[in-house]
Structures are given as structure tokens and as C-alpha cells.
Amino acid sequence: MANAVEAVVVFAMRLGAHTIWTAIAFGVALAPACVSAEESFDTEHIFGFMIGTDVGNPGEREFQTQTTGRFGKGGTYRALQQEVEIEVVPLPNFRIEVGGTATLHDITGVPDIDDRRQFNFQGASLDLRYRLLDRERAPFGLTVAAELHGDRIDETSGAKGRMYGTDFTLAFDRELVPNFVIGALNLIYQPEWARFEVAGVSEKSSTIGAAFGGMVRVRPNFLLGGEMRYFRQYEGIGLGELSGQALFVGPTAYFQLSERSRLTLSWSMQAWGRSAGSGGNLDLVNFERHQARLVFGVNF
């Protein structure tokens, strides 16, 4: 199993922006027109690293797999997360998601991170979302989301320990051109606490960020756009001393494969960054050079 996942990581690492855009264009050419062009946007799953304000209809249930790759921190750095999730909508405007994550790390020669090559069960998560405003009845959509996670493997270093955190997101979206162009804004706060098993050291950190995304309906069943995300990481959960900052940009594509299934592809590159005390143009201490995500979901 580990060898198969490692092969996926190596393959993903070799993908460049040109290859990704070629794959997207090929998909557009072959994809069937299975969704009416008059349908309005459903923003629940169309973004890769961001979230929209839609949460689904009461009674809906979905199975989703989310694969996230993070590459490049100096030396050799490859980290792959595979998350399996179940989503339910028990009440109007309220969605619950539970998930479990496995991780693969391949790290050699990265400053301040031990070399390791391992595949482990990382942890579990609970994602709660409540839509406060429906953009069809208000000037814009507004949803508040909180994802709680508990892990036994640090997602960056792969070190064993106990890690807890919550990702708070305030999501806004609005159709800029009805049924054709939609824009979204996310405001993010992520406090994290970790205690590492070997060293017995405890660490606290927090990240704030803002992300903007836009999607265009190229075909009835295909959306194409991009996401731009800016993050600032601090020591302590109360936004203490600044550790570093980074700006990520990249394309996102969404395919409605059938009435019940969907696929989202997203890739981001660190366009600019700076770690504390450094004069460089990238922050590879707190963030990665490249991030990629593939999400597949099906209603049942």
C-alpha cells in the first residue's frame, strides 16, 4: 500500500502547471453536457482549498475522498494526505462532516525536520457549517464553518505526538454574472496545539489568512477559475510573534461528472513569502512551495 501511495506522490511531484492545464483542457473536450446551463451555482464543492457558502439540502448524504499533496521545503519534501469523509445535512442550512486521514511523508535533507519515510493513520476530524445568509435571498451568501481535528502525526514533519486544532472560516460568495461567474472570499483563523512524543516538547501556533476565488462556467458541467490565498503564521494561539507569511496562487477546475458525482482539481504555488528574520522571497520554513488537491464526491 505504501509503495503505491509513494508512486502517486512521485507522479504528482512531476506534474507541472503545463501538464495540469493540458489535463483540464482534455477533460473539457470529453466531458458530457449533463447539467442545465440555466442552473445556478452550487458552491459547496466547486473550490479546491477554499469553501463556498452552500451546505446542501436537508436529507442529503455524500461520500467524499480528498487527496492533498504538499511539495518543496528545501532538500526532498513530499507529504500526501488522504482523507475519507461522510457528509450529512440533518437540518436546513446546517451540514456535518466526519472524516479520517492517512498520511505519507518522504523527507530527506530538509532543515529542522528529521529525515523519515513513513505511512501512518494521522487522525480524525469533525467539520460543522451553518449558512447564515442565502445569496439567492440576500446580497451575498454567508456561512460560518469550524473544523475540529485531533491527530497523532504532525502533518508537516510526520513526527508522532498529540495535535489538536480548529480551523475557523467565515465564507462569503456572490454571483458576479448570474449563472456564469461567481466570486468567493474566505477569512481564516487556525489555532493549533501540539505535544511531540520523542522530544516531549509542546508547541502552540496560530495562522490567519484571507483567500479569494473566482469560477467561470465554461460549459454546463465544467467550471474553471483560480484561487489566491494569503497566510500569516504566529507563535502562540493568540497571534503572538510573527513566524512567517506566504501568498499562494493557482488554478482550480470543477467537473460535474454525473447527476450524483463530481471532481475538483486545484493546484497552488507559493508566489511570494518571507519567514521571520529572512530576506528571501519565499517562506519554506512554515509553508510549502507547491500544494495540490483532488476531491471526488458522490451522493448516496
Protein backbone atom coordinates (compact mmCIF):
# COMPACT_ATOMS: atom_id res chain seq x y z
CA MET A 1 0.00 0.00 0.00
CA ALA A 2 2.77 2.43 0.96
CA ASN A 3 4.64 1.75 -2.29
CA ALA A 4 1.52 2.52 -4.32
CA VAL A 5 0.92 5.77 -2.50
CA GLU A 6 4.59 6.73 -2.85
CA ALA A 7 4.29 6.21 -6.60
CA VAL A 8 1.35 8.62 -6.66
CA VAL A 9 3.42 11.21 -4.79
CA VAL A 10 6.34 10.92 -7.21
CA PHE A 11 3.97 11.22 -10.16
CA ALA A 12 2.25 14.27 -8.65
CA MET A 13 5.59 15.89 -7.96
CA ARG A 14 6.49 15.65 -11.64
CA LEU A 15 3.31 17.40 -12.72
CA GLY A 16 3.87 20.99 -13.74
CA ALA A 17 1.39 23.74 -14.43
CA HIS A 18 1.52 22.97 -18.16
CA THR A 19 0.57 19.33 -17.57
CA ILE A 20 -2.28 20.30 -15.25
CA TRP A 21 -3.73 22.75 -17.76
CA THR A 22 -3.41 20.15 -20.53
CA ALA A 23 -5.34 17.62 -18.43
CA ILE A 24 -8.04 20.20 -17.73
CA ALA A 25 -8.40 21.05 -21.42
CA PHE A 26 -8.63 17.34 -22.28
CA GLY A 27 -11.35 16.89 -19.68
CA VAL A 28 -13.35 19.79 -21.06
CA ALA A 29 -13.27 18.29 -24.53
CA LEU A 30 -14.54 14.91 -23.36
CA ALA A 31 -16.93 15.85 -20.57
CA PRO A 32 -20.63 15.36 -21.38
CA ALA A 33 -23.05 18.24 -21.03
CA CYS A 34 -25.09 16.81 -18.15
CA VAL A 35 -26.16 19.95 -16.26
CA SER A 36 -28.55 22.58 -17.50
CA ALA A 37 -26.91 25.88 -18.38
CA GLU A 38 -29.77 27.66 -16.61
CA GLU A 39 -28.87 26.11 -13.24
CA SER A 40 -27.48 28.46 -10.62
CA PHE A 41 -24.16 27.76 -8.90
CA ASP A 42 -23.84 25.30 -6.04
CA THR A 43 -20.67 26.50 -4.30
CA GLU A 44 -20.43 23.75 -1.68
CA HIS A 45 -17.69 21.83 -3.52
CA ILE A 46 -16.55 23.86 -6.53
CA PHE A 47 -13.42 25.29 -4.87
CA GLY A 48 -10.28 23.33 -4.02
CA PHE A 49 -8.66 24.92 -0.96
CA MET A 50 -11.50 27.34 -0.20
CA ILE A 51 -15.13 26.76 0.74
CA GLY A 52 -18.37 28.22 -0.63
CA THR A 53 -21.45 29.17 1.37
CA ASP A 54 -23.79 26.43 0.14
CA VAL A 55 -24.22 23.48 2.52
CA GLY A 56 -26.63 21.18 0.65
CA ASN A 57 -30.30 20.38 1.11
CA PRO A 58 -31.83 18.68 4.18
CA GLY A 59 -31.53 14.90 3.94
CA GLU A 60 -28.55 14.90 1.55
CA ARG A 61 -25.72 12.46 2.21
CA GLU A 62 -22.36 12.41 0.46
CA PHE A 63 -19.19 10.32 0.43
CA GLN A 64 -16.01 12.23 -0.38
CA THR A 65 -12.31 11.49 -0.77
CA GLN A 66 -9.82 14.34 -0.59
CA THR A 67 -6.17 13.92 -1.58
CA THR A 68 -3.81 16.78 -0.72
CA GLY A 69 -0.15 16.90 -1.76
CA ARG A 70 2.41 19.34 -0.39
CA PHE A 71 5.86 19.55 -2.00
CA GLY A 72 9.06 21.55 -1.63
CA LYS A 73 10.71 22.84 1.57
CA GLY A 74 14.38 22.52 0.62
CA GLY A 75 16.02 19.11 0.26
CA THR A 76 13.42 16.48 -0.63
CA TYR A 77 9.97 17.07 0.84
CA ARG A 78 6.81 15.21 -0.16
CA ALA A 79 3.73 14.92 2.04
CA LEU A 80 0.49 13.30 0.90
CA GLN A 81 -2.77 13.30 2.89
CA GLN A 82 -5.66 11.02 2.02
CA GLU A 83 -8.91 11.90 3.78
CA VAL A 84 -12.18 9.95 3.61
CA GLU A 85 -15.30 11.86 4.66
CA ILE A 86 -19.04 11.41 5.14
CA GLU A 87 -21.26 14.48 4.87
CA VAL A 88 -24.88 14.79 6.05
CA VAL A 89 -27.35 17.69 6.12
CA PRO A 90 -29.72 16.99 9.05
CA LEU A 91 -31.33 20.46 9.15
CA PRO A 92 -31.83 23.38 6.77
CA ASN A 93 -28.62 25.43 6.39
CA PHE A 94 -26.59 23.08 8.64
CA ARG A 95 -24.04 20.50 7.49
CA ILE A 96 -21.99 17.94 9.43
CA GLU A 97 -18.92 16.15 8.08
CA VAL A 98 -16.79 13.50 9.79
CA GLY A 99 -13.53 12.20 8.36
CA GLY A 100 -10.39 10.19 8.88
CA THR A 101 -6.94 10.91 7.40
CA ALA A 102 -3.87 8.83 6.49
CA THR A 103 -0.55 10.47 5.60
CA LEU A 104 2.62 9.60 3.70
CA HIS A 105 5.86 11.52 4.33
CA ASP A 106 9.04 11.32 2.26
CA ILE A 107 11.55 13.77 3.78
CA THR A 108 15.31 13.97 3.22
CA GLY A 109 17.69 16.84 3.91
CA VAL A 110 15.08 19.42 4.94
CA PRO A 111 16.42 21.93 7.51
CA ASP A 112 15.00 21.47 11.07
CA ILE A 113 12.95 18.37 10.08
CA ASP A 114 14.13 14.81 10.70
CA ASP A 115 14.53 12.53 7.67
CA ARG A 116 11.71 9.98 7.50
CA ARG A 117 9.79 7.86 5.06
CA GLN A 118 6.54 6.58 6.55
CA PHE A 119 2.86 5.91 6.01
CA ASN A 120 0.54 6.31 9.02
CA PHE A 121 -3.01 6.93 10.14
CA GLN A 122 -2.95 10.62 11.04
CA GLY A 123 -6.22 11.38 12.82
CA ALA A 124 -9.90 12.31 12.64
CA SER A 125 -11.88 15.49 12.03
CA LEU A 126 -15.33 17.00 12.51
CA ASP A 127 -16.47 19.81 10.20
CA LEU A 128 -19.55 21.88 11.11
CA ARG A 129 -21.02 24.52 8.79
CA TYR A 130 -24.01 26.81 9.22
CA ARG A 131 -25.29 29.13 6.50
CA LEU A 132 -26.38 32.47 7.89
CA LEU A 133 -27.30 34.14 4.58
CA ASP A 134 -28.51 32.58 1.32
CA ARG A 135 -27.21 34.64 -1.61
CA GLU A 136 -30.45 33.95 -3.55
CA ARG A 137 -32.33 35.92 -0.87
CA ALA A 138 -29.57 38.29 0.27
CA PRO A 139 -26.91 40.45 -1.45
CA PHE A 140 -24.33 37.71 -0.76
CA GLY A 141 -24.02 34.29 0.83
CA LEU A 142 -22.51 33.93 4.31
CA THR A 143 -21.51 30.73 6.10
CA VAL A 144 -19.56 30.13 9.29
CA ALA A 145 -17.51 26.91 9.50
CA ALA A 146 -15.48 25.21 12.22
CA GLU A 147 -13.37 22.12 11.54
CA LEU A 148 -12.03 20.40 14.66
CA HIS A 149 -9.26 17.83 14.27
CA GLY A 150 -7.22 15.58 16.52
CA ASP A 151 -4.07 13.94 15.15
CA ARG A 152 -1.33 11.55 16.22
CA ILE A 153 1.01 12.56 13.36
CA ASP A 154 2.19 16.10 12.65
CA GLU A 155 1.10 16.93 9.10
CA THR A 156 4.29 18.88 8.31
CA SER A 157 7.12 16.88 9.90
CA GLY A 158 5.47 13.46 10.25
CA ALA A 159 6.59 13.32 13.91
CA LYS A 160 4.43 11.39 16.38
CA GLY A 161 2.59 13.14 19.18
CA ARG A 162 -0.76 14.67 20.02
CA MET A 163 -2.01 17.52 17.86
CA TYR A 164 -5.27 19.42 18.22
CA GLY A 165 -6.63 22.35 16.30
CA THR A 166 -9.63 24.13 14.87
CA ASP A 167 -10.00 25.83 11.50
CA PHE A 168 -12.49 28.70 11.74
CA THR A 169 -13.68 30.08 8.40
CA LEU A 170 -16.06 32.89 7.54
CA ALA A 171 -17.12 32.33 3.92
CA PHE A 172 -18.76 34.83 1.57
CA ASP A 173 -19.81 34.37 -2.07
CA ARG A 174 -21.81 36.19 -4.72
CA GLU A 175 -22.70 35.63 -8.37
CA LEU A 176 -20.93 38.43 -10.23
CA VAL A 177 -22.59 37.46 -13.51
CA PRO A 178 -25.74 35.34 -12.94
CA ASN A 179 -25.20 31.66 -13.84
CA PHE A 180 -21.80 32.48 -15.34
CA VAL A 181 -19.26 33.99 -12.91
CA ILE A 182 -19.08 33.61 -9.13
CA GLY A 183 -16.63 35.04 -6.61
CA ALA A 184 -15.86 33.90 -3.07
CA LEU A 185 -13.97 35.26 -0.05
CA ASN A 186 -12.76 33.27 2.97
CA LEU A 187 -11.45 34.74 6.23
CA ILE A 188 -9.49 32.14 8.22
CA TYR A 189 -8.21 31.64 11.78
CA GLN A 190 -6.42 28.39 12.71
CA PRO A 191 -5.17 27.88 16.30
CA GLU A 192 -3.04 24.72 16.80
CA TRP A 193 -1.58 22.90 19.83
CA ALA A 194 0.95 20.05 19.64
CA ARG A 195 2.99 17.89 22.02
CA PHE A 196 5.64 15.74 20.36
CA GLU A 197 6.22 12.19 21.62
CA VAL A 198 10.02 11.88 21.31
CA ALA A 199 11.18 15.30 22.48
CA GLY A 200 8.28 15.88 24.88
CA VAL A 201 8.10 19.46 23.63
CA SER A 202 4.82 21.39 23.41
CA GLU A 203 4.19 23.98 20.74
CA LYS A 204 1.37 26.42 20.10
CA SER A 205 0.81 28.31 16.89
CA SER A 206 -1.88 30.17 15.02
CA THR A 207 -2.50 31.17 11.43
CA ILE A 208 -4.73 33.86 9.99
CA GLY A 209 -5.49 34.22 6.33
CA ALA A 210 -7.67 35.59 3.59
CA ALA A 211 -8.49 33.83 0.34
CA PHE A 212 -10.25 34.96 -2.82
CA GLY A 213 -11.50 32.68 -5.57
CA GLY A 214 -13.42 33.04 -8.78
CA MET A 215 -15.04 30.46 -11.06
CA VAL A 216 -16.43 30.77 -14.59
CA ARG A 217 -18.94 28.36 -16.15
CA VAL A 218 -17.09 27.27 -19.27
CA ARG A 219 -19.61 24.54 -20.06
CA PRO A 220 -22.80 23.49 -18.26
CA ASN A 221 -20.92 20.76 -16.37
CA PHE A 222 -17.49 22.42 -16.13
CA LEU A 223 -16.19 25.39 -14.12
CA LEU A 224 -12.72 26.89 -14.40
CA GLY A 225 -11.10 29.56 -12.26
CA GLY A 226 -8.45 30.20 -9.66
CA GLU A 227 -7.72 30.84 -6.00
CA MET A 228 -5.41 33.31 -4.28
CA ARG A 229 -4.61 32.72 -0.57
CA TYR A 230 -2.54 34.80 1.84
CA PHE A 231 -1.45 33.44 5.26
CA ARG A 232 0.40 34.78 8.30
CA GLN A 233 1.63 32.29 10.90
CA TYR A 234 2.38 33.23 14.51
CA GLU A 235 3.78 31.68 17.64
CA GLY A 236 1.09 31.00 20.24
CA ILE A 237 -2.65 30.65 19.66
CA GLY A 238 -3.20 34.34 20.37
CA LEU A 239 -1.29 35.66 17.33
CA GLY A 240 1.98 36.31 19.16
CA GLU A 241 5.29 36.78 17.36
CA LEU A 242 5.15 36.51 13.57
CA SER A 243 6.80 33.33 12.24
CA GLY A 244 6.23 33.83 8.53
CA GLN A 245 3.86 34.69 5.73
CA ALA A 246 3.08 33.39 2.25
CA LEU A 247 0.93 34.06 -0.80
CA PHE A 248 -0.38 31.12 -2.87
CA VAL A 249 -1.94 31.36 -6.33
CA GLY A 250 -3.12 28.73 -8.78
CA PRO A 251 -5.90 27.30 -10.96
CA THR A 252 -8.98 25.31 -9.94
CA ALA A 253 -11.26 23.18 -12.12
CA TYR A 254 -14.60 21.60 -11.23
CA PHE A 255 -16.28 18.78 -13.18
CA GLN A 256 -19.86 17.61 -12.64
CA LEU A 257 -19.28 14.02 -13.76
CA SER A 258 -22.89 12.90 -13.41
CA GLU A 259 -26.04 13.85 -11.53
CA ARG A 260 -24.55 12.37 -8.33
CA SER A 261 -20.76 12.58 -8.74
CA ARG A 262 -18.22 15.40 -9.00
CA LEU A 263 -14.49 16.06 -9.24
CA THR A 264 -12.44 19.12 -8.19
CA LEU A 265 -8.78 19.71 -9.11
CA SER A 266 -6.71 22.52 -7.61
CA TRP A 267 -3.04 23.47 -7.64
CA SER A 268 -1.31 26.36 -5.83
CA MET A 269 2.24 27.69 -5.95
CA GLN A 270 3.84 29.93 -3.33
CA ALA A 271 4.28 33.11 -5.37
CA TRP A 272 5.76 35.11 -2.50
CA GLY A 273 6.66 34.56 1.12
CA ARG A 274 9.02 35.51 3.93
CA SER A 275 9.90 33.77 7.18
CA ALA A 276 10.79 35.78 10.28
CA GLY A 277 14.35 37.08 10.14
CA SER A 278 14.79 36.16 6.47
CA GLY A 279 15.19 38.43 3.47
CA GLY A 280 14.19 35.79 0.94
CA ASN A 281 11.19 35.87 -1.38
CA LEU A 282 9.70 32.56 -0.19
CA ASP A 283 8.86 31.08 3.22
CA LEU A 284 9.77 27.40 3.04
CA VAL A 285 10.12 27.16 6.82
CA ASN A 286 6.41 27.49 7.64
CA PHE A 287 4.87 26.70 4.25
CA GLU A 288 5.48 24.55 1.16
CA ARG A 289 6.46 25.58 -2.36
CA HIS A 290 3.59 23.71 -4.03
CA GLN A 291 0.20 22.44 -2.88
CA ALA A 292 -2.23 20.31 -4.91
CA ARG A 293 -5.65 18.86 -4.14
CA LEU A 294 -8.01 16.39 -5.78
CA VAL A 295 -11.54 15.93 -4.41
CA PHE A 296 -14.03 13.30 -5.57
CA GLY A 297 -17.55 13.11 -4.15
CA VAL A 298 -20.73 11.16 -4.73
CA ASN A 299 -24.26 11.50 -3.32
CA PHE A 300 -25.88 8.34 -1.95
